[in-house]
C-alpha atoms as a PDB file:
ATOM      1  CA  MET A   1     238.425 -25.310 -35.161  1.00  0.00           C
ATOM      2  CA  LYS A   2     239.524 -28.360 -33.174  1.00  0.00           C
ATOM      3  CA  LEU A   3     241.813 -27.611 -30.251  1.00  0.00           C
ATOM      4  CA  SER A   4     244.304 -29.975 -28.630  1.00  0.00           C
ATOM      5  CA  TRP A   5     243.022 -31.988 -25.686  1.00  0.00           C
ATOM      6  CA  LEU A   6     245.308 -30.062 -23.323  1.00  0.00           C
ATOM      7  CA  LEU A   7     243.913 -26.699 -24.429  1.00  0.00           C
ATOM      8  CA  GLN A   8     240.385 -28.089 -24.119  1.00  0.00           C
ATOM      9  CA  LEU A   9     241.178 -29.236 -20.588  1.00  0.00           C
ATOM     10  CA  LEU A  10     242.556 -25.782 -19.768  1.00  0.00           C
ATOM     11  CA  ILE A  11     239.323 -24.142 -20.971  1.00  0.00           C
ATOM     12  CA  ILE A  12     237.195 -26.469 -18.833  1.00  0.00           C
ATOM     13  CA  SER A  13     239.520 -25.957 -15.848  1.00  0.00           C
ATOM     14  CA  ALA A  14     239.369 -22.190 -16.322  1.00  0.00           C
ATOM     15  CA  PHE A  15     235.598 -22.314 -15.943  1.00  0.00           C
ATOM     16  CA  LEU A  16     235.985 -24.439 -12.818  1.00  0.00           C
ATOM     17  CA  LEU A  17     238.325 -21.819 -11.334  1.00  0.00           C
ATOM     18  CA  LEU A  18     236.022 -19.031 -12.513  1.00  0.00           C
ATOM     19  CA  GLY A  19     233.166 -20.745 -10.682  1.00  0.00           C
ATOM     20  CA  TYR A  20     235.173 -21.007  -7.459  1.00  0.00           C
ATOM     21  CA  GLY A  21     236.226 -17.370  -7.785  1.00  0.00           C
ATOM     22  CA  THR A  22     232.652 -16.233  -8.391  1.00  0.00           C
ATOM     23  CA  VAL A  23     231.442 -18.110  -5.311  1.00  0.00           C
ATOM     24  CA  ALA A  24     234.228 -16.623  -3.183  1.00  0.00           C
ATOM     25  CA  VAL A  25     233.682 -13.038  -4.358  1.00  0.00           C
ATOM     26  CA  PHE A  26     229.875 -12.957  -4.382  1.00  0.00           C
ATOM     27  CA  ARG A  27     229.354 -15.445  -1.519  1.00  0.00           C
ATOM     28  CA  ILE A  28     226.953 -17.558  -3.566  1.00  0.00           C
ATOM     29  CA  PRO A  29     225.607 -20.535  -1.569  1.00  0.00           C
ATOM     30  CA  LEU A  30     226.456 -23.044  -4.319  1.00  0.00           C
ATOM     31  CA  PRO A  31     229.525 -25.178  -4.962  1.00  0.00           C
ATOM     32  CA  GLY A  32     232.079 -23.502  -7.207  1.00  0.00           C
ATOM     33  CA  SER A  33     232.026 -26.437  -9.610  1.00  0.00           C
ATOM     34  CA  VAL A  34     228.282 -25.987 -10.168  1.00  0.00           C
ATOM     35  CA  VAL A  35     228.661 -22.240 -10.760  1.00  0.00           C
ATOM     36  CA  GLY A  36     231.523 -22.934 -13.179  1.00  0.00           C
ATOM     37  CA  MET A  37     229.386 -25.453 -15.056  1.00  0.00           C
ATOM     38  CA  ILE A  38     226.531 -22.932 -15.280  1.00  0.00           C
ATOM     39  CA  LEU A  39     228.928 -20.281 -16.581  1.00  0.00           C
ATOM     40  CA  LEU A  40     230.316 -22.699 -19.177  1.00  0.00           C
ATOM     41  CA  PHE A  41     226.756 -23.550 -20.235  1.00  0.00           C
ATOM     42  CA  VAL A  42     225.911 -19.856 -20.654  1.00  0.00           C
ATOM     43  CA  PHE A  43     229.082 -19.278 -22.685  1.00  0.00           C
ATOM     44  CA  LEU A  44     228.202 -22.259 -24.892  1.00  0.00           C
ATOM     45  CA  LEU A  45     224.637 -21.006 -25.392  1.00  0.00           C
ATOM     46  CA  THR A  46     225.779 -17.527 -26.347  1.00  0.00           C
ATOM     47  CA  GLY A  47     228.429 -18.867 -28.731  1.00  0.00           C
ATOM     48  CA  ILE A  48     231.345 -17.254 -26.917  1.00  0.00           C
ATOM     49  CA  ILE A  49     232.772 -20.755 -26.432  1.00  0.00           C
ATOM     50  CA  LYS A  50     232.240 -23.189 -29.311  1.00  0.00           C
ATOM     51  CA  LEU A  51     231.301 -26.784 -28.533  1.00  0.00           C
ATOM     52  CA  ASP A  52     234.096 -27.993 -30.829  1.00  0.00           C
ATOM     53  CA  TRP A  53     236.596 -26.302 -28.529  1.00  0.00           C
ATOM     54  CA  ILE A  54     235.825 -28.606 -25.571  1.00  0.00           C
ATOM     55  CA  GLU A  55     233.823 -31.527 -26.941  1.00  0.00           C
ATOM     56  CA  ARG A  56     236.575 -34.158 -27.202  1.00  0.00           C
ATOM     57  CA  THR A  57     237.952 -33.637 -23.686  1.00  0.00           C
ATOM     58  CA  ALA A  58     234.491 -33.245 -22.125  1.00  0.00           C
ATOM     59  CA  SER A  59     233.334 -36.491 -23.765  1.00  0.00           C
ATOM     60  CA  PHE A  60     236.415 -38.290 -22.466  1.00  0.00           C
ATOM     61  CA  GLN A  61     235.805 -36.975 -18.949  1.00  0.00           C
ATOM     62  CA  LEU A  62     232.140 -37.991 -19.006  1.00  0.00           C
ATOM     63  CA  LYS A  63     233.034 -41.427 -20.350  1.00  0.00           C
ATOM     64  CA  HIS A  64     235.372 -42.095 -17.418  1.00  0.00           C
ATOM     65  CA  LEU A  65     233.418 -40.246 -14.716  1.00  0.00           C
ATOM     66  CA  THR A  66     232.465 -43.429 -12.882  1.00  0.00           C
ATOM     67  CA  LEU A  67     236.124 -44.105 -12.070  1.00  0.00           C
ATOM     68  CA  LEU A  68     236.064 -41.073  -9.784  1.00  0.00           C
ATOM     69  CA  PHE A  69     233.412 -42.691  -7.596  1.00  0.00           C
ATOM     70  CA  ILE A  70     235.212 -46.001  -7.057  1.00  0.00           C
ATOM     71  CA  PRO A  71     237.677 -44.880  -4.306  1.00  0.00           C
ATOM     72  CA  PRO A  72     234.964 -43.563  -1.932  1.00  0.00           C
ATOM     73  CA  ILE A  73     232.927 -46.751  -2.371  1.00  0.00           C
ATOM     74  CA  VAL A  74     235.954 -48.965  -1.742  1.00  0.00           C
ATOM     75  CA  SER A  75     236.834 -46.984   1.385  1.00  0.00           C
ATOM     76  CA  LEU A  76     233.289 -47.500   2.685  1.00  0.00           C
ATOM     77  CA  PHE A  77     233.665 -51.255   2.436  1.00  0.00           C
ATOM     78  CA  LEU A  78     237.149 -51.263   3.955  1.00  0.00           C
ATOM     79  CA  SER A  79     236.055 -49.373   7.074  1.00  0.00           C
ATOM     80  CA  PRO A  80     235.334 -52.030   9.746  1.00  0.00           C
ATOM     81  CA  SER A  81     233.067 -49.802  11.814  1.00  0.00           C
ATOM     82  CA  LEU A  82     230.859 -48.916   8.859  1.00  0.00           C
ATOM     83  CA  GLN A  83     230.882 -52.493   7.646  1.00  0.00           C
ATOM     84  CA  GLN A  84     229.432 -53.820  10.899  1.00  0.00           C
ATOM     85  CA  ILE A  85     226.852 -51.094  11.367  1.00  0.00           C
ATOM     86  CA  MET A  86     225.509 -50.358   7.925  1.00  0.00           C
ATOM     87  CA  HIS A  87     226.809 -52.972   5.489  1.00  0.00           C
ATOM     88  CA  TRP A  88     223.473 -53.967   3.935  1.00  0.00           C
ATOM     89  CA  ASN A  89     222.107 -50.434   4.102  1.00  0.00           C
ATOM     90  CA  ILE A  90     225.045 -49.156   2.056  1.00  0.00           C
ATOM     91  CA  VAL A  91     224.713 -51.964  -0.490  1.00  0.00           C
ATOM     92  CA  LEU A  92     220.978 -51.328  -0.844  1.00  0.00           C
ATOM     93  CA  ILE A  93     221.478 -47.578  -1.238  1.00  0.00           C
ATOM     94  CA  LEU A  94     224.197 -48.107  -3.871  1.00  0.00           C
ATOM     95  CA  VAL A  95     222.080 -50.552  -5.874  1.00  0.00           C
ATOM     96  CA  VAL A  96     218.890 -48.460  -5.725  1.00  0.00           C
ATOM     97  CA  SER A  97     220.633 -45.178  -6.530  1.00  0.00           C
ATOM     98  CA  SER A  98     222.548 -46.771  -9.420  1.00  0.00           C
ATOM     99  CA  MET A  99     219.328 -48.194 -10.859  1.00  0.00           C
ATOM    100  CA  CYS A 100     217.591 -44.816 -10.505  1.00  0.00           C
ATOM    101  CA  CYS A 101     220.453 -43.113 -12.352  1.00  0.00           C
ATOM    102  CA  LEU A 102     220.443 -45.703 -15.122  1.00  0.00           C
ATOM    103  CA  LEU A 103     216.665 -45.581 -15.546  1.00  0.00           C
ATOM    104  CA  GLY A 104     216.594 -41.782 -15.431  1.00  0.00           C
ATOM    105  CA  THR A 105     219.301 -41.583 -18.071  1.00  0.00           C
ATOM    106  CA  ALA A 106     217.545 -44.154 -20.262  1.00  0.00           C
ATOM    107  CA  PHE A 107     214.224 -42.291 -20.102  1.00  0.00           C
ATOM    108  CA  PHE A 108     215.904 -38.972 -20.834  1.00  0.00           C
ATOM    109  CA  VAL A 109     217.764 -40.375 -23.852  1.00  0.00           C
ATOM    110  CA  GLU A 110     214.569 -41.928 -25.222  1.00  0.00           C
ATOM    111  CA  TRP A 111     212.690 -38.654 -24.735  1.00  0.00           C
ATOM    112  CA  TYR A 112     215.499 -36.674 -26.377  1.00  0.00           C
ATOM    113  CA  GLU A 113     215.702 -39.053 -29.362  1.00  0.00           C
ATOM    114  CA  LYS A 114     211.920 -38.861 -29.816  1.00  0.00           C
ATOM    115  CA  ILE A 115     212.099 -35.057 -29.927  1.00  0.00           C
ATOM    116  CA  LYS A 116     215.007 -35.203 -32.399  1.00  0.00           C
ATOM    117  CA  ARG A 117     213.040 -37.537 -34.695  1.00  0.00           C
ATOM    118  CA  ARG A 118     209.955 -35.343 -34.432  1.00  0.00           C
ATOM    119  CA  ASN A 119     211.954 -32.262 -35.443  1.00  0.00           C
ATOM    120  CA  GLY A 120     213.567 -34.155 -38.317  1.00  0.00           C
ATOM    121  CA  GLN A 121     217.141 -33.918 -37.079  1.00  0.00           C
END
């Protein structure tokens, strides 16, 4: 059963709020968003939540996730004090961390595809 994108977003947001609530009640030393993601993962594994129910909205969010990181990076470069002190350090860190993320993702996808081919899927 395919749900509308708004209902899918509400389901994902409900798990985010559930994560924040769980952290507040049980005083778990983790961010609420991480706890919510773990809870959503458990619900997906157990079949309580079907992947079809959230897949379209989750894919859209993942596709545009990098846009959320642009404002903090721009603000780093617009800050004169940070620009003078750590300009090249920030650029180097951004380039190296981006390359590590890209390479890590590429290796994981290759590994995953190899396992899928081996299992005949």
